[in-house]
Protein backbone atom coordinates (compact mmCIF):
# COMPACT_ATOMS: atom_id res chain seq x y z
CA UNK A 1 17.94 -14.87 12.09
CA UNK A 2 16.85 -15.18 8.55
CA UNK A 3 13.91 -13.83 7.10
CA UNK A 4 12.04 -14.48 4.06
CA UNK A 5 9.43 -12.55 2.73
CA UNK A 6 7.06 -13.76 -0.10
CA UNK A 7 5.30 -11.14 -2.34
CA UNK A 8 3.05 -10.30 -4.99
CA UNK A 9 6.18 -9.14 -7.77
CA UNK A 10 4.81 -5.60 -8.72
CA UNK A 11 5.24 -2.35 -7.12
CA UNK A 12 2.42 -1.10 -5.00
CA UNK A 13 2.14 -0.43 -1.17
CA UNK A 14 3.34 -3.99 -0.02
CA UNK A 15 6.25 -3.90 -2.33
CA UNK A 16 6.76 -0.58 -0.39
CA UNK A 17 6.91 -1.57 2.69
CA UNK A 18 8.82 -4.90 2.03
CA UNK A 19 11.56 -2.80 0.82
CA UNK A 20 11.50 -0.62 3.82
CA UNK A 21 11.87 -3.57 5.91
CA UNK A 22 14.89 -5.02 4.37
CA UNK A 23 16.89 -1.70 3.43
CA UNK A 24 17.28 -0.91 7.16
CA UNK A 25 19.61 -2.97 8.74
CA UNK A 26 19.90 -4.54 12.05
CA UNK A 27 22.79 -6.83 13.33
CA UNK A 28 20.83 -9.93 14.06
CA UNK A 29 18.19 -9.97 10.60
CA UNK A 30 19.07 -10.79 6.99
CA UNK A 31 16.16 -10.83 4.63
CA UNK A 32 15.45 -12.55 1.95
CA UNK A 33 12.81 -11.81 -0.84
CA UNK A 34 10.74 -14.10 -3.33
CA UNK A 35 8.50 -12.67 -5.83
CA UNK A 36 5.70 -14.09 -7.38
CA UNK A 37 3.57 -13.12 -10.05
CA UNK A 38 3.27 -14.00 -13.99
CA UNK A 39 5.90 -11.28 -14.56
CA UNK A 40 8.91 -9.44 -12.78
CA UNK A 41 8.54 -5.80 -13.56
CA UNK A 42 11.43 -4.02 -15.01
CA UNK A 43 12.61 -2.20 -11.44
CA UNK A 44 13.02 -5.55 -9.65
CA UNK A 45 14.21 -7.48 -12.44
CA UNK A 46 17.30 -5.34 -12.47
CA UNK A 47 17.37 -5.92 -8.13
CA UNK A 48 17.34 -9.37 -8.54
CA UNK A 49 19.85 -9.69 -11.30
CA UNK A 50 22.76 -7.76 -9.36
CA UNK A 51 21.69 -9.03 -5.88
CA UNK A 52 21.44 -12.89 -4.57
CA UNK A 53 19.11 -12.57 -2.07
CA UNK A 54 15.88 -11.79 -4.04
CA UNK A 55 14.17 -14.41 -6.10
CA UNK A 56 11.42 -14.90 -8.57
CA UNK A 57 8.97 -17.71 -9.41
CA UNK A 58 6.78 -17.02 -12.30
CA UNK A 59 3.81 -18.28 -11.86
CA UNK A 60 0.17 -18.41 -14.65
CA UNK A 61 -2.32 -15.87 -13.39
CA UNK A 62 -5.02 -17.62 -11.58
CA UNK A 63 -2.49 -20.85 -11.26
CA UNK A 64 -0.70 -19.44 -8.44
CA UNK A 65 -1.96 -22.14 -5.75
CA UNK A 66 0.31 -25.18 -8.10
CA UNK A 67 3.22 -23.50 -7.70
CA UNK A 68 3.50 -24.78 -3.86
CA UNK A 69 6.36 -27.08 -4.88
CA UNK A 70 8.47 -24.42 -6.83
CA UNK A 71 7.75 -22.21 -3.30
CA UNK A 72 8.85 -24.75 -1.24
CA UNK A 73 12.21 -25.50 -2.92
CA UNK A 74 13.34 -22.50 -2.41
CA UNK A 75 12.40 -22.29 1.26
CA UNK A 76 14.44 -25.48 1.96
CA UNK A 77 17.52 -24.19 0.48
CA UNK A 78 17.38 -20.44 2.03
CA UNK A 79 16.11 -22.23 5.91
CA UNK A 80 14.61 -19.28 7.15
CA UNK A 81 13.93 -19.02 10.80
CA UNK A 82 10.30 -16.53 9.56
CA UNK A 83 8.24 -16.35 6.62
CA UNK A 84 6.84 -13.20 5.94
CA UNK A 85 3.58 -13.95 3.85
CA UNK A 86 2.84 -10.98 2.16
CA UNK A 87 0.20 -12.80 -0.28
CA UNK A 88 -2.06 -15.79 -0.83
CA UNK A 89 1.32 -18.54 -1.06
CA UNK A 90 -0.32 -20.14 2.39
CA UNK A 91 -0.06 -23.71 1.25
CA UNK A 92 3.81 -23.95 1.22
CA UNK A 93 3.90 -21.93 4.19
CA UNK A 94 1.83 -24.47 5.48
CA UNK A 95 4.23 -27.30 4.16
CA UNK A 96 7.09 -25.42 6.04
CA UNK A 97 5.71 -25.46 8.86
CA UNK A 98 4.79 -28.94 9.10
CA UNK A 99 8.08 -30.44 7.34
CA UNK A 100 10.90 -28.13 8.24
CA UNK A 101 9.24 -26.56 11.71
CA UNK A 102 9.80 -22.72 10.06
CA UNK A 103 7.14 -20.69 11.45
CA UNK A 104 5.37 -18.01 9.70
CA UNK A 105 3.75 -14.40 10.13
CA UNK A 106 0.57 -13.96 8.22
CA UNK A 107 0.47 -9.85 6.87
CA UNK A 108 -2.94 -8.93 6.41
CA UNK A 109 -2.89 -6.38 3.95
CA UNK A 110 -6.45 -6.33 2.18
CA UNK A 111 -8.76 -3.46 3.54
CA UNK A 112 -11.42 -5.40 5.37
CA UNK A 113 -14.28 -3.70 2.96
CA UNK A 114 -12.96 -5.27 0.22
CA UNK A 115 -11.80 -8.93 1.20
CA UNK A 116 -12.33 -11.42 -1.80
CA UNK A 117 -13.25 -15.02 -1.06
CA UNK A 118 -9.54 -15.89 -1.21
CA UNK A 119 -9.00 -13.70 1.33
CA UNK A 120 -11.03 -15.04 3.65
CA UNK A 121 -10.05 -19.03 2.29
CA UNK A 122 -6.13 -17.79 3.05
CA UNK A 123 -7.01 -16.15 6.50
CA UNK A 124 -9.32 -19.40 8.19
CA UNK A 125 -6.93 -21.77 6.69
CA UNK A 126 -4.18 -20.35 8.24
CA UNK A 127 -5.10 -19.96 11.83
CA UNK A 128 -4.04 -23.26 12.83
CA UNK A 129 -0.43 -23.05 11.37
CA UNK A 130 0.53 -19.45 11.86
CA UNK A 131 2.92 -18.35 14.72
CA UNK A 132 2.02 -14.88 13.98
CA UNK A 133 -0.34 -12.24 12.54
CA UNK A 134 0.20 -8.13 11.56
CA UNK A 135 -2.78 -6.13 10.52
CA UNK A 136 -2.44 -2.73 9.25
CA UNK A 137 -5.88 -1.54 11.26
CA UNK A 138 -8.42 -1.73 13.75
CA UNK A 139 -11.03 -3.42 11.50
CA UNK A 140 -8.76 -6.38 10.58
CA UNK A 141 -7.35 -6.60 13.58
CA UNK A 142 -11.39 -7.35 15.04
CA UNK A 143 -11.77 -9.79 12.04
CA UNK A 144 -9.06 -12.37 12.60
CA UNK A 145 -8.88 -11.65 16.68
CA UNK A 146 -12.29 -13.62 16.24
CA UNK A 147 -10.74 -16.72 15.30
CA UNK A 148 -7.86 -16.62 17.73
CA UNK A 149 -8.07 -18.29 20.99
CA UNK A 150 -4.25 -16.90 21.57
CA UNK A 151 -5.36 -13.24 21.56
CA UNK A 152 -1.28 -12.34 21.93
CA UNK A 153 -0.88 -13.62 18.43
CA UNK A 154 -2.00 -10.84 16.61
CA UNK A 155 -0.60 -7.30 16.28
CA UNK A 156 -1.44 -3.54 14.89
CA UNK A 157 1.39 -2.71 12.83
CA UNK A 158 0.86 0.17 10.96
CA UNK A 159 2.99 1.39 7.42
CA UNK A 160 6.41 3.59 7.97
CA UNK A 161 8.32 5.76 5.27
CA UNK A 162 11.69 6.95 5.02
CA UNK A 163 10.99 10.49 6.35
CA UNK A 164 12.36 12.77 3.77
CA UNK A 165 13.32 16.43 3.51
CA UNK A 166 10.91 19.15 2.04
CA UNK A 167 11.17 19.22 -1.93
CA UNK A 168 11.41 21.99 -3.76
CA UNK A 169 8.02 22.14 -6.01
CA UNK A 170 7.41 24.15 -9.04
CA UNK A 171 4.67 26.26 -9.88
CA UNK A 172 2.59 25.62 -12.43
CA UNK A 173 -0.43 27.43 -14.18
CA UNK A 174 -3.27 24.93 -13.17
CA UNK A 175 -4.10 22.94 -10.07
CA UNK A 176 -2.93 19.74 -9.64
CA UNK A 177 -4.89 17.14 -8.20
CA UNK A 178 -4.25 13.46 -8.76
CA UNK A 179 -4.16 9.82 -7.00
CA UNK A 180 -1.25 6.78 -7.17
CA UNK A 181 -3.55 3.74 -7.18
CA UNK A 182 -4.01 0.72 -9.34
CA UNK A 183 -6.84 1.34 -11.45
CA UNK A 184 -9.55 -1.31 -10.63
CA UNK A 185 -12.96 -1.78 -9.13
CA UNK A 186 -11.15 -0.76 -5.18
CA UNK A 187 -10.74 2.23 -6.34
CA UNK A 188 -12.82 5.05 -7.00
CA UNK A 189 -10.31 6.89 -10.11
CA UNK A 190 -13.94 7.10 -11.93
CA UNK A 191 -16.11 9.78 -8.33
CA UNK A 192 -12.78 11.68 -9.08
CA UNK A 193 -13.32 12.09 -12.99
CA UNK A 194 -16.97 12.94 -12.78
CA UNK A 195 -16.59 15.22 -9.92
CA UNK A 196 -13.85 17.43 -11.30
CA UNK A 197 -15.99 17.30 -14.50
CA UNK A 198 -18.91 18.94 -13.14
CA UNK A 199 -17.36 21.98 -11.53
CA UNK A 200 -17.05 25.54 -13.17
CA UNK A 201 -13.65 25.66 -12.27
CA UNK A 202 -13.16 22.44 -14.61
CA UNK A 203 -10.59 24.18 -17.29
CA UNK A 204 -8.05 24.84 -14.51
CA UNK A 205 -7.79 21.52 -12.91
CA UNK A 206 -5.66 18.99 -13.97
CA UNK A 207 -6.34 15.56 -12.83
CA UNK A 208 -3.43 12.72 -13.04
CA UNK A 209 -3.10 9.26 -11.97
CA UNK A 210 -0.19 7.18 -11.51
CA UNK A 211 -0.50 3.81 -11.60
CA UNK A 212 -2.09 0.79 -14.28
CA UNK A 213 -5.06 -1.68 -14.12
CA UNK A 214 -7.86 -3.77 -15.87
CA UNK A 215 -10.15 -0.42 -15.72
CA UNK A 216 -7.82 1.64 -17.14
CA UNK A 217 -9.30 0.91 -20.51
CA UNK A 218 -12.82 2.07 -19.45
CA UNK A 219 -11.94 4.90 -17.81
CA UNK A 220 -10.72 6.00 -21.51
CA UNK A 221 -13.47 5.05 -23.54
CA UNK A 222 -15.31 7.16 -20.35
CA UNK A 223 -13.24 10.59 -20.57
CA UNK A 224 -13.01 10.19 -24.80
CA UNK A 225 -17.38 9.06 -25.07
CA UNK A 226 -17.79 12.98 -22.70
CA UNK A 227 -15.16 14.55 -24.32
CA UNK A 228 -12.95 15.54 -20.69
CA UNK A 229 -9.42 17.24 -21.68
CA UNK A 230 -8.30 17.32 -18.29
CA UNK A 231 -7.25 13.77 -17.03
CA UNK A 232 -3.80 12.76 -17.63
CA UNK A 233 -2.68 8.65 -17.22
CA UNK A 234 1.10 8.46 -16.09
CA UNK A 235 1.01 4.79 -16.48
CA UNK A 236 3.35 2.36 -13.86
CA UNK A 237 5.87 4.81 -12.47
CA UNK A 238 9.51 3.65 -10.23
CA UNK A 239 9.98 4.83 -7.12
CA UNK A 240 12.09 8.24 -8.99
CA UNK A 241 9.43 8.91 -11.59
CA UNK A 242 6.43 8.21 -8.38
CA UNK A 243 8.70 11.10 -6.28
CA UNK A 244 8.48 13.42 -8.98
CA UNK A 245 5.10 12.63 -10.09
CA UNK A 246 3.85 13.66 -6.24
CA UNK A 247 5.87 17.13 -7.02
CA UNK A 248 3.43 18.56 -9.38
CA UNK A 249 0.52 17.92 -7.51
CA UNK A 250 -1.38 20.73 -5.28
CA UNK A 251 -3.67 18.37 -3.76
CA UNK A 252 -3.57 14.43 -3.90
CA UNK A 253 -7.30 12.36 -3.30
CA UNK A 254 -7.05 8.71 -1.58
CA UNK A 255 -10.89 8.02 -3.22
CA UNK A 256 -11.73 4.22 -2.36
CA UNK A 257 -13.66 1.64 -0.99
CA UNK A 258 -11.47 0.77 2.29
CA UNK A 259 -7.51 0.45 2.78
CA UNK A 260 -5.09 -1.51 4.55
CA UNK A 261 -2.89 1.57 5.44
CA UNK A 262 -2.13 3.28 1.97
CA UNK A 263 1.42 4.02 0.94
CA UNK A 264 0.46 5.91 -1.34
CA UNK A 265 -1.15 8.41 0.68
CA UNK A 266 1.70 8.15 3.07
CA UNK A 267 4.05 9.08 0.75
CA UNK A 268 2.29 12.25 -1.01
CA UNK A 269 2.08 13.80 2.68
CA UNK A 270 5.99 12.66 2.48
CA UNK A 271 6.30 14.77 -0.39
CA UNK A 272 4.27 17.61 1.36
CA UNK A 273 1.59 17.70 -1.03
CA UNK A 274 -1.54 17.83 1.13
CA UNK A 275 -4.36 14.99 1.07
CA UNK A 276 -7.89 14.19 1.39
CA UNK A 277 -9.93 10.94 1.62
CA UNK A 278 -11.91 9.02 1.61
CA UNK A 279 -13.85 8.50 5.28
CA UNK A 280 -13.35 4.90 5.05
CA UNK A 281 -11.95 1.32 6.61
CA UNK A 282 -8.55 2.00 6.70
CA UNK A 283 -8.62 5.24 6.64
CA UNK A 284 -10.74 6.68 8.93
CA UNK A 285 -9.06 5.20 12.38
CA UNK A 286 -6.02 6.87 11.40
CA UNK A 287 -4.63 9.53 13.54
CA UNK A 288 -4.94 12.40 10.63
CA UNK A 289 -4.85 16.03 12.01
CA UNK A 290 -8.14 18.05 10.22
CA UNK A 291 -10.65 14.93 9.82
CA UNK A 292 -13.43 17.36 9.26
CA UNK A 293 -11.80 19.06 6.01
CA UNK A 294 -9.99 16.14 4.81
CA UNK A 295 -12.56 13.15 4.99
CA UNK A 296 -14.88 13.64 2.77
CA UNK A 297 -17.95 10.97 1.70
CA UNK A 298 -17.84 8.45 -1.96
CA UNK A 299 -20.56 10.96 -3.81
CA UNK A 300 -19.43 13.47 -6.24
CA UNK A 301 -20.94 16.24 -3.78
CA UNK A 302 -19.10 16.06 -0.97
CA UNK A 303 -15.20 15.60 -2.78
CA UNK A 304 -16.13 18.77 -4.61
CA UNK A 305 -16.48 20.05 -1.59
CA UNK A 306 -13.43 19.38 -0.25
CA UNK A 307 -11.59 19.39 -3.85
CA UNK A 308 -13.14 23.32 -3.69
CA UNK A 309 -11.99 24.38 -0.34
CA UNK A 310 -8.32 23.15 -1.07
CA UNK A 311 -8.93 25.17 -5.12
CA UNK A 312 -9.26 28.84 -2.94
CA UNK A 313 -7.22 27.98 0.68
CA UNK A 314 -5.27 30.81 1.19
CA UNK A 315 -1.39 29.80 0.81
CA UNK A 316 -1.01 30.64 4.78
CA UNK A 317 -3.83 27.89 5.38
CA UNK A 318 -2.45 24.94 2.75
CA UNK A 319 1.06 25.49 4.51
CA UNK A 320 -0.46 25.37 8.20
CA UNK A 321 -2.49 21.84 6.93
CA UNK A 322 0.87 20.47 5.32
CA UNK A 323 2.70 21.24 8.67
CA UNK A 324 0.65 19.20 10.37
CA UNK A 325 0.30 16.50 8.09
CA UNK A 326 3.80 16.02 8.45
CA UNK A 327 3.74 15.90 12.14
CA UNK A 328 1.06 13.39 11.98
CA UNK A 329 3.46 11.27 9.52
CA UNK A 330 6.59 10.83 11.78
CA UNK A 331 4.72 10.54 14.93
CA UNK A 332 3.01 7.11 13.22
CA UNK A 333 4.07 6.20 9.96
CA UNK A 334 8.11 6.17 10.52
CA UNK A 335 9.88 3.01 9.15
CA UNK A 336 11.86 3.26 11.87
CA UNK A 337 8.75 2.52 14.39
CA UNK A 338 7.55 0.63 12.25
CA UNK A 339 11.07 -1.75 11.60
CA UNK A 340 10.95 -1.71 15.99
CA UNK A 341 6.77 -3.15 16.27
CA UNK A 342 8.31 -6.00 13.69
CA UNK A 343 11.54 -6.91 15.65
CA UNK A 344 9.09 -7.09 18.97
CA UNK A 345 6.89 -9.94 16.53
CA UNK A 346 10.08 -12.26 16.08
CA UNK A 347 10.84 -11.82 19.44
CA UNK A 348 7.80 -13.51 20.65
CA UNK A 349 8.07 -16.45 17.98
CA UNK A 350 11.89 -16.98 18.00
CA UNK A 351 14.65 -15.84 20.02
CA UNK A 352 17.98 -14.61 18.46
């Protein structure tokens, strides 16, 4: 069976999920990937250049809806049996369903608490046409389930990653904290900056941010105005660089307004870095161990308590938390388990 994944042409959680899905070989599955966006990331360009199963359509920002014909042209040429829609290109999927009888699965990556009008528009428009829905958490499941007559058309499939052996980590003079995420209004980089600037131990703490985004300039201006010296922006990193980035951290912080199912959080655990995270939709219903210790309210006081708790933690306590979080990762978020659940979805909508 041929599967066509349609997604945004940039690095991030969705990109990682798709890459994990397509790199696991299955004798009945042929994967194709269509990237859509204003530019193709350098890492993706190299893959597209070397492989025939990668496609790219360049679009102008805010005008993506106008490129449905170009998308439909690739769909017609490739003739997939199922489309996995990971972004907002709902119109070509509907047309493919109507004219070519191609079924599509709507993957809802967006957190419930940060959904835009665009998200709700795409969701509602898809209802009569989508063959199945995949959501990443219970909150999104409840939302979409309200619209569905057939309650068997929806599945919760948590993001999965490739579990790796414990990496060798270096010891640093400072206590290094960090977050890997797009720098926008949905992530709370400023909360982390303001929090560490309040503590008397701020000279012993360094904060690293991986990723880029529209709020980066504002944050840099804030740092400059308040003469904050212990915050470093590492920019957009490829997968190899990102893995090395995790290795320098003593504590990973996912400060956010909401999540679908955070790949960055899982990758931090995969690199044996203890994590703390916002007590919000997409995180609070995860089966994370030691929730009382690691979940924080989105305010400076509570976040500071969590950071200082890990700062003062003994090596033995830290090892115990890392062990518990690693067990959680293996049990609930392996890429093999994710693939098995997607295969069940494929079998529900098509025989192969």
